[in-house]
Amino acid sequence: MNASKALLASALGAVVAMGALSATPAAAAEKEKCFGIAQAGKNDCASATGAHSCAGQATKDKDPGDWKYVAKGSCEKMGGKLAK
């Protein structure tokens, strides 16, 4: 690959990456952490109680310390809580 093609590919990659980054905050604004609804192995991040430190490590269904992102306004309808 010559230098101009490499530069063009690099610039195109940067534009695509910038577009992906700018879409993330809007999507996150439409979600909320919902505690107590995650199924075993299907939590979105670390436990609020310190039982584990990563997504997918919940060991039991509906543990009040584990959470998932859900659409805003739907957590309590699902039987969850917005705060630990």
PDB file of N, CA and C in Angstrom:
ATOM      1  N   MET A   1       0.857  -1.166   0.000  1.00  0.00           N
ATOM      2  CA  MET A   1       0.000   0.000   0.000  1.00  0.00           C
ATOM      3  C   MET A   1       0.906   1.232   0.000  1.00  0.00           C
ATOM      4  N   ASN A   2       0.599   2.181  -0.879  1.00  0.00           N
ATOM      5  CA  ASN A   2       1.441   3.371  -0.901  1.00  0.00           C
ATOM      6  C   ASN A   2       1.017   4.351   0.182  1.00  0.00           C
ATOM      7  N   ALA A   3       1.798   5.384   0.373  1.00  0.00           N
ATOM      8  CA  ALA A   3       1.603   6.317   1.486  1.00  0.00           C
ATOM      9  C   ALA A   3       0.268   7.045   1.392  1.00  0.00           C
ATOM     10  N   SER A   4      -0.162   7.449   0.201  1.00  0.00           N
ATOM     11  CA  SER A   4      -1.422   8.194   0.089  1.00  0.00           C
ATOM     12  C   SER A   4      -2.623   7.301   0.389  1.00  0.00           C
ATOM     13  N   LYS A   5      -2.567   6.035  -0.002  1.00  0.00           N
ATOM     14  CA  LYS A   5      -3.660   5.112   0.322  1.00  0.00           C
ATOM     15  C   LYS A   5      -3.715   4.849   1.826  1.00  0.00           C
ATOM     16  N   ALA A   6      -2.550   4.730   2.456  1.00  0.00           N
ATOM     17  CA  ALA A   6      -2.497   4.511   3.897  1.00  0.00           C
ATOM     18  C   ALA A   6      -3.049   5.721   4.638  1.00  0.00           C
ATOM     19  N   LEU A   7      -2.722   6.912   4.177  1.00  0.00           N
ATOM     20  CA  LEU A   7      -3.229   8.140   4.793  1.00  0.00           C
ATOM     21  C   LEU A   7      -4.742   8.235   4.635  1.00  0.00           C
ATOM     22  N   LEU A   8      -5.248   7.914   3.464  1.00  0.00           N
ATOM     23  CA  LEU A   8      -6.686   7.941   3.213  1.00  0.00           C
ATOM     24  C   LEU A   8      -7.407   6.917   4.091  1.00  0.00           C
ATOM     25  N   ALA A   9      -6.869   5.729   4.206  1.00  0.00           N
ATOM     26  CA  ALA A   9      -7.477   4.690   5.048  1.00  0.00           C
ATOM     27  C   ALA A   9      -7.474   5.110   6.514  1.00  0.00           C
ATOM     28  N   SER A  10      -6.403   5.739   6.952  1.00  0.00           N
ATOM     29  CA  SER A  10      -6.308   6.203   8.329  1.00  0.00           C
ATOM     30  C   SER A  10      -7.326   7.309   8.605  1.00  0.00           C
ATOM     31  N   ALA A  11      -7.466   8.244   7.677  1.00  0.00           N
ATOM     32  CA  ALA A  11      -8.425   9.341   7.838  1.00  0.00           C
ATOM     33  C   ALA A  11      -9.848   8.809   7.856  1.00  0.00           C
ATOM     34  N   LEU A  12     -10.153   7.879   6.993  1.00  0.00           N
ATOM     35  CA  LEU A  12     -11.487   7.278   6.954  1.00  0.00           C
ATOM     36  C   LEU A  12     -11.785   6.549   8.261  1.00  0.00           C
ATOM     37  N   GLY A  13     -10.819   5.852   8.786  1.00  0.00           N
ATOM     38  CA  GLY A  13     -10.988   5.165  10.071  1.00  0.00           C
ATOM     39  C   GLY A  13     -11.265   6.143  11.203  1.00  0.00           C
ATOM     40  N   ALA A  14     -10.598   7.276  11.197  1.00  0.00           N
ATOM     41  CA  ALA A  14     -10.812   8.297  12.228  1.00  0.00           C
ATOM     42  C   ALA A  14     -12.220   8.874  12.147  1.00  0.00           C
ATOM     43  N   VAL A  15     -12.714   9.114  10.932  1.00  0.00           N
ATOM     44  CA  VAL A  15     -14.065   9.651  10.749  1.00  0.00           C
ATOM     45  C   VAL A  15     -15.108   8.658  11.257  1.00  0.00           C
ATOM     46  N   VAL A  16     -14.935   7.391  10.948  1.00  0.00           N
ATOM     47  CA  VAL A  16     -15.863   6.365  11.408  1.00  0.00           C
ATOM     48  C   VAL A  16     -15.842   6.276  12.932  1.00  0.00           C
ATOM     49  N   ALA A  17     -14.665   6.303  13.519  1.00  0.00           N
ATOM     50  CA  ALA A  17     -14.541   6.229  14.977  1.00  0.00           C
ATOM     51  C   ALA A  17     -15.178   7.439  15.642  1.00  0.00           C
ATOM     52  N   MET A  18     -15.013   8.609  15.104  1.00  0.00           N
ATOM     53  CA  MET A  18     -15.614   9.820  15.671  1.00  0.00           C
ATOM     54  C   MET A  18     -17.133   9.731  15.636  1.00  0.00           C
ATOM     55  N   GLY A  19     -17.675   9.197  14.568  1.00  0.00           N
ATOM     56  CA  GLY A  19     -19.122   9.042  14.467  1.00  0.00           C
ATOM     57  C   GLY A  19     -19.652   8.086  15.513  1.00  0.00           C
ATOM     58  N   ALA A  20     -18.950   7.027  15.779  1.00  0.00           N
ATOM     59  CA  ALA A  20     -19.375   6.057  16.791  1.00  0.00           C
ATOM     60  C   ALA A  20     -19.310   6.659  18.181  1.00  0.00           C
ATOM     61  N   LEU A  21     -18.301   7.466  18.444  1.00  0.00           N
ATOM     62  CA  LEU A  21     -18.172   8.083  19.757  1.00  0.00           C
ATOM     63  C   LEU A  21     -19.253   9.121  20.008  1.00  0.00           C
ATOM     64  N   SER A  22     -19.631   9.856  19.006  1.00  0.00           N
ATOM     65  CA  SER A  22     -20.637  10.894  19.208  1.00  0.00           C
ATOM     66  C   SER A  22     -22.028  10.308  19.400  1.00  0.00           C
ATOM     67  N   ALA A  23     -22.285   9.091  18.945  1.00  0.00           N
ATOM     68  CA  ALA A  23     -23.596   8.471  19.110  1.00  0.00           C
ATOM     69  C   ALA A  23     -23.766   7.874  20.507  1.00  0.00           C
ATOM     70  N   THR A  24     -22.700   7.556  21.176  1.00  0.00           N
ATOM     71  CA  THR A  24     -22.764   6.890  22.468  1.00  0.00           C
ATOM     72  C   THR A  24     -23.448   7.699  23.570  1.00  0.00           C
ATOM     73  N   PRO A  25     -23.140   8.967  23.777  1.00  0.00           N
ATOM     74  CA  PRO A  25     -23.802   9.697  24.872  1.00  0.00           C
ATOM     75  C   PRO A  25     -25.324   9.766  24.726  1.00  0.00           C
ATOM     76  N   ALA A  26     -25.820   9.929  23.519  1.00  0.00           N
ATOM     77  CA  ALA A  26     -27.269   9.994  23.327  1.00  0.00           C
ATOM     78  C   ALA A  26     -27.914   8.671  23.685  1.00  0.00           C
ATOM     79  N   ALA A  27     -27.294   7.575  23.292  1.00  0.00           N
ATOM     80  CA  ALA A  27     -27.842   6.258  23.615  1.00  0.00           C
ATOM     81  C   ALA A  27     -27.807   6.017  25.115  1.00  0.00           C
ATOM     82  N   ALA A  28     -26.739   6.430  25.776  1.00  0.00           N
ATOM     83  CA  ALA A  28     -26.621   6.243  27.220  1.00  0.00           C
ATOM     84  C   ALA A  28     -27.638   7.091  27.968  1.00  0.00           C
ATOM     85  N   ALA A  29     -27.993   8.244  27.424  1.00  0.00           N
ATOM     86  CA  ALA A  29     -28.958   9.123  28.085  1.00  0.00           C
ATOM     87  C   ALA A  29     -30.352   8.505  28.104  1.00  0.00           C
ATOM     88  N   GLU A  30     -30.610   7.562  27.234  1.00  0.00           N
ATOM     89  CA  GLU A  30     -31.917   6.919  27.155  1.00  0.00           C
ATOM     90  C   GLU A  30     -31.982   5.654  28.010  1.00  0.00           C
ATOM     91  N   LYS A  31     -30.926   5.361  28.757  1.00  0.00           N
ATOM     92  CA  LYS A  31     -30.861   4.147  29.578  1.00  0.00           C
ATOM     93  C   LYS A  31     -30.632   4.508  31.039  1.00  0.00           C
ATOM     94  N   GLU A  32     -30.932   3.559  31.923  1.00  0.00           N
ATOM     95  CA  GLU A  32     -30.665   3.731  33.346  1.00  0.00           C
ATOM     96  C   GLU A  32     -30.256   2.392  33.945  1.00  0.00           C
ATOM     97  N   LYS A  33     -29.472   2.458  35.025  1.00  0.00           N
ATOM     98  CA  LYS A  33     -29.077   1.238  35.734  1.00  0.00           C
ATOM     99  C   LYS A  33     -30.261   0.748  36.539  1.00  0.00           C
ATOM    100  N   CYS A  34     -30.573  -0.527  36.377  1.00  0.00           N
ATOM    101  CA  CYS A  34     -31.690  -1.120  37.105  1.00  0.00           C
ATOM    102  C   CYS A  34     -31.159  -2.292  37.938  1.00  0.00           C
ATOM    103  N   PHE A  35     -31.248  -2.149  39.258  1.00  0.00           N
ATOM    104  CA  PHE A  35     -30.740  -3.157  40.187  1.00  0.00           C
ATOM    105  C   PHE A  35     -31.808  -4.198  40.493  1.00  0.00           C
ATOM    106  N   GLY A  36     -31.374  -5.440  40.596  1.00  0.00           N
ATOM    107  CA  GLY A  36     -32.254  -6.516  41.035  1.00  0.00           C
ATOM    108  C   GLY A  36     -33.051  -7.206  39.947  1.00  0.00           C
ATOM    109  N   ILE A  37     -32.699  -6.992  38.682  1.00  0.00           N
ATOM    110  CA  ILE A  37     -33.428  -7.667  37.604  1.00  0.00           C
ATOM    111  C   ILE A  37     -32.546  -8.592  36.769  1.00  0.00           C
ATOM    112  N   ALA A  38     -31.230  -8.482  36.923  1.00  0.00           N
ATOM    113  CA  ALA A  38     -30.304  -9.258  36.094  1.00  0.00           C
ATOM    114  C   ALA A  38     -30.400 -10.746  36.410  1.00  0.00           C
ATOM    115  N   GLN A  39     -30.365 -11.545  35.372  1.00  0.00           N
ATOM    116  CA  GLN A  39     -30.323 -12.998  35.527  1.00  0.00           C
ATOM    117  C   GLN A  39     -28.864 -13.423  35.741  1.00  0.00           C
ATOM    118  N   ALA A  40     -28.648 -14.574  36.315  1.00  0.00           N
ATOM    119  CA  ALA A  40     -27.286 -15.073  36.564  1.00  0.00           C
ATOM    120  C   ALA A  40     -26.487 -15.066  35.260  1.00  0.00           C
ATOM    121  N   GLY A  41     -25.310 -14.474  35.314  1.00  0.00           N
ATOM    122  CA  GLY A  41     -24.434 -14.424  34.152  1.00  0.00           C
ATOM    123  C   GLY A  41     -24.804 -13.369  33.127  1.00  0.00           C
ATOM    124  N   LYS A  42     -25.815 -12.549  33.393  1.00  0.00           N
ATOM    125  CA  LYS A  42     -26.258 -11.580  32.389  1.00  0.00           C
ATOM    126  C   LYS A  42     -26.313 -10.146  32.924  1.00  0.00           C
ATOM    127  N   ASN A  43     -25.517  -9.846  33.961  1.00  0.00           N
ATOM    128  CA  ASN A  43     -25.433  -8.482  34.474  1.00  0.00           C
ATOM    129  C   ASN A  43     -24.556  -7.638  33.551  1.00  0.00           C
ATOM    130  N   ASP A  44     -24.703  -6.319  33.635  1.00  0.00           N
ATOM    131  CA  ASP A  44     -23.958  -5.442  32.732  1.00  0.00           C
ATOM    132  C   ASP A  44     -22.615  -4.967  33.267  1.00  0.00           C
ATOM    133  N   CYS A  45     -22.384  -4.993  34.571  1.00  0.00           N
ATOM    134  CA  CYS A  45     -21.087  -4.556  35.078  1.00  0.00           C
ATOM    135  C   CYS A  45     -20.896  -5.047  36.509  1.00  0.00           C
ATOM    136  N   ALA A  46     -19.949  -4.465  37.205  1.00  0.00           N
ATOM    137  CA  ALA A  46     -19.583  -4.898  38.553  1.00  0.00           C
ATOM    138  C   ALA A  46     -20.758  -4.823  39.525  1.00  0.00           C
ATOM    139  N   SER A  47     -20.744  -5.697  40.499  1.00  0.00           N
ATOM    140  CA  SER A  47     -21.760  -5.708  41.547  1.00  0.00           C
ATOM    141  C   SER A  47     -21.584  -4.506  42.462  1.00  0.00           C
ATOM    142  N   ALA A  48     -22.689  -3.908  42.870  1.00  0.00           N
ATOM    143  CA  ALA A  48     -22.635  -2.773  43.792  1.00  0.00           C
ATOM    144  C   ALA A  48     -22.161  -3.206  45.175  1.00  0.00           C
ATOM    145  N   THR A  49     -22.279  -4.483  45.479  1.00  0.00           N
ATOM    146  CA  THR A  49     -21.866  -4.984  46.791  1.00  0.00           C
ATOM    147  C   THR A  49     -20.420  -5.479  46.807  1.00  0.00           C
ATOM    148  N   GLY A  50     -19.762  -5.484  45.657  1.00  0.00           N
ATOM    149  CA  GLY A  50     -18.380  -5.939  45.580  1.00  0.00           C
ATOM    150  C   GLY A  50     -18.236  -7.440  45.411  1.00  0.00           C
ATOM    151  N   ALA A  51     -19.326  -8.134  45.123  1.00  0.00           N
ATOM    152  CA  ALA A  51     -19.274  -9.589  44.958  1.00  0.00           C
ATOM    153  C   ALA A  51     -18.466 -10.009  43.732  1.00  0.00           C
ATOM    154  N   HIS A  52     -18.404  -9.170  42.711  1.00  0.00           N
ATOM    155  CA  HIS A  52     -17.604  -9.425  41.510  1.00  0.00           C
ATOM    156  C   HIS A  52     -17.331  -8.095  40.836  1.00  0.00           C
ATOM    157  N   SER A  53     -16.443  -8.097  39.858  1.00  0.00           N
ATOM    158  CA  SER A  53     -16.009  -6.829  39.278  1.00  0.00           C
ATOM    159  C   SER A  53     -16.216  -6.723  37.772  1.00  0.00           C
ATOM    160  N   CYS A  54     -17.085  -7.559  37.206  1.00  0.00           N
ATOM    161  CA  CYS A  54     -17.198  -7.508  35.754  1.00  0.00           C
ATOM    162  C   CYS A  54     -18.578  -7.945  35.274  1.00  0.00           C
ATOM    163  N   ALA A  55     -18.880  -7.595  34.042  1.00  0.00           N
ATOM    164  CA  ALA A  55     -20.135  -8.005  33.420  1.00  0.00           C
ATOM    165  C   ALA A  55     -20.175  -9.520  33.242  1.00  0.00           C
ATOM    166  N   GLY A  56     -21.367 -10.073  33.354  1.00  0.00           N
ATOM    167  CA  GLY A  56     -21.545 -11.500  33.122  1.00  0.00           C
ATOM    168  C   GLY A  56     -21.119 -12.387  34.275  1.00  0.00           C
ATOM    169  N   GLN A  57     -20.851 -11.818  35.445  1.00  0.00           N
ATOM    170  CA  GLN A  57     -20.389 -12.622  36.569  1.00  0.00           C
ATOM    171  C   GLN A  57     -21.419 -12.785  37.680  1.00  0.00           C
ATOM    172  N   ALA A  58     -22.651 -12.353  37.474  1.00  0.00           N
ATOM    173  CA  ALA A  58     -23.690 -12.539  38.490  1.00  0.00           C
ATOM    174  C   ALA A  58     -23.894 -14.039  38.693  1.00  0.00           C
ATOM    175  N   THR A  59     -24.010 -14.448  39.941  1.00  0.00           N
ATOM    176  CA  THR A  59     -24.133 -15.884  40.229  1.00  0.00           C
ATOM    177  C   THR A  59     -25.558 -16.332  40.525  1.00  0.00           C
ATOM    178  N   LYS A  60     -26.459 -15.366  40.738  1.00  0.00           N
ATOM    179  CA  LYS A  60     -27.850 -15.749  40.969  1.00  0.00           C
ATOM    180  C   LYS A  60     -28.789 -14.743  40.321  1.00  0.00           C
ATOM    181  N   ASP A  61     -29.972 -15.192  40.001  1.00  0.00           N
ATOM    182  CA  ASP A  61     -30.985 -14.343  39.385  1.00  0.00           C
ATOM    183  C   ASP A  61     -31.460 -13.271  40.366  1.00  0.00           C
ATOM    184  N   LYS A  62     -31.665 -12.076  39.851  1.00  0.00           N
ATOM    185  CA  LYS A  62     -32.272 -10.955  40.566  1.00  0.00           C
ATOM    186  C   LYS A  62     -31.568 -10.568  41.872  1.00  0.00           C
ATOM    187  N   ASP A  63     -30.259 -10.702  41.897  1.00  0.00           N
ATOM    188  CA  ASP A  63     -29.484 -10.254  43.061  1.00  0.00           C
ATOM    189  C   ASP A  63     -29.620  -8.742  43.155  1.00  0.00           C
ATOM    190  N   PRO A  64     -29.966  -8.186  44.310  1.00  0.00           N
ATOM    191  CA  PRO A  64     -30.159  -6.747  44.426  1.00  0.00           C
ATOM    192  C   PRO A  64     -28.893  -5.921  44.192  1.00  0.00           C
ATOM    193  N   GLY A  65     -27.719  -6.524  44.221  1.00  0.00           N
ATOM    194  CA  GLY A  65     -26.474  -5.804  43.962  1.00  0.00           C
ATOM    195  C   GLY A  65     -26.073  -5.796  42.505  1.00  0.00           C
ATOM    196  N   ASP A  66     -26.705  -6.625  41.684  1.00  0.00           N
ATOM    197  CA  ASP A  66     -26.376  -6.693  40.254  1.00  0.00           C
ATOM    198  C   ASP A  66     -27.372  -5.863  39.456  1.00  0.00           C
ATOM    199  N   TRP A  67     -26.901  -5.319  38.342  1.00  0.00           N
ATOM    200  CA  TRP A  67     -27.756  -4.435  37.554  1.00  0.00           C
ATOM    201  C   TRP A  67     -27.587  -4.658  36.069  1.00  0.00           C
ATOM    202  N   LYS A  68     -28.538  -4.139  35.318  1.00  0.00           N
ATOM    203  CA  LYS A  68     -28.521  -4.113  33.855  1.00  0.00           C
ATOM    204  C   LYS A  68     -28.965  -2.733  33.413  1.00  0.00           C
ATOM    205  N   TYR A  69     -28.516  -2.307  32.235  1.00  0.00           N
ATOM    206  CA  TYR A  69     -29.046  -1.094  31.640  1.00  0.00           C
ATOM    207  C   TYR A  69     -30.396  -1.430  31.017  1.00  0.00           C
ATOM    208  N   VAL A  70     -31.375  -0.581  31.267  1.00  0.00           N
ATOM    209  CA  VAL A  70     -32.706  -0.733  30.680  1.00  0.00           C
ATOM    210  C   VAL A  70     -33.158   0.631  30.154  1.00  0.00           C
ATOM    211  N   ALA A  71     -34.191   0.628  29.346  1.00  0.00           N
ATOM    212  CA  ALA A  71     -34.743   1.881  28.831  1.00  0.00           C
ATOM    213  C   ALA A  71     -35.254   2.725  29.991  1.00  0.00           C
ATOM    214  N   LYS A  72     -35.017   4.036  29.921  1.00  0.00           N
ATOM    215  CA  LYS A  72     -35.484   4.933  30.981  1.00  0.00           C
ATOM    216  C   LYS A  72     -36.967   4.756  31.223  1.00  0.00           C
ATOM    217  N   GLY A  73     -37.335   4.704  32.490  1.00  0.00           N
ATOM    218  CA  GLY A  73     -38.729   4.592  32.874  1.00  0.00           C
ATOM    219  C   GLY A  73     -39.250   3.172  32.961  1.00  0.00           C
ATOM    220  N   SER A  74     -38.433   2.177  32.635  1.00  0.00           N
ATOM    221  CA  SER A  74     -38.929   0.797  32.631  1.00  0.00           C
ATOM    222  C   SER A  74     -38.456  -0.030  33.821  1.00  0.00           C
ATOM    223  N   CYS A  75     -37.477   0.446  34.577  1.00  0.00           N
ATOM    224  CA  CYS A  75     -36.887  -0.344  35.656  1.00  0.00           C
ATOM    225  C   CYS A  75     -37.914  -0.775  36.694  1.00  0.00           C
ATOM    226  N   GLU A  76     -38.615   0.176  37.261  1.00  0.00           N
ATOM    227  CA  GLU A  76     -39.548  -0.154  38.340  1.00  0.00           C
ATOM    228  C   GLU A  76     -40.713  -0.989  37.829  1.00  0.00           C
ATOM    229  N   LYS A  77     -41.078  -0.820  36.570  1.00  0.00           N
ATOM    230  CA  LYS A  77     -42.134  -1.647  35.968  1.00  0.00           C
ATOM    231  C   LYS A  77     -41.687  -3.112  35.894  1.00  0.00           C
ATOM    232  N   MET A  78     -40.372  -3.326  35.807  1.00  0.00           N
ATOM    233  CA  MET A  78     -39.819  -4.677  35.726  1.00  0.00           C
ATOM    234  C   MET A  78     -39.565  -5.272  37.108  1.00  0.00           C
ATOM    235  N   GLY A  79     -39.831  -4.506  38.148  1.00  0.00           N
ATOM    236  CA  GLY A  79     -39.614  -4.996  39.511  1.00  0.00           C
ATOM    237  C   GLY A  79     -38.251  -4.647  40.080  1.00  0.00           C
ATOM    238  N   GLY A  80     -37.496  -3.784  39.398  1.00  0.00           N
ATOM    239  CA  GLY A  80     -36.177  -3.404  39.855  1.00  0.00           C
ATOM    240  C   GLY A  80     -36.187  -2.086  40.605  1.00  0.00           C
ATOM    241  N   LYS A  81     -34.994  -1.685  41.019  1.00  0.00           N
ATOM    242  CA  LYS A  81     -34.807  -0.417  41.729  1.00  0.00           C
ATOM    243  C   LYS A  81     -33.730   0.387  41.022  1.00  0.00           C
ATOM    244  N   LEU A  82     -33.860   1.704  41.055  1.00  0.00           N
ATOM    245  CA  LEU A  82     -32.898   2.578  40.405  1.00  0.00           C
ATOM    246  C   LEU A  82     -31.640   2.800  41.218  1.00  0.00           C
ATOM    247  N   ALA A  83     -31.691   2.580  42.505  1.00  0.00           N
ATOM    248  CA  ALA A  83     -30.523   2.763  43.361  1.00  0.00           C
ATOM    249  C   ALA A  83     -30.350   1.535  44.228  1.00  0.00           C
ATOM    250  N   LYS A  84     -29.110   1.195  44.512  1.00  0.00           N
ATOM    251  CA  LYS A  84     -28.806   0.035  45.370  1.00  0.00           C
ATOM    252  C   LYS A  84     -29.163   0.364  46.766  1.00  0.00           C
TER     253      LYS A  84
END
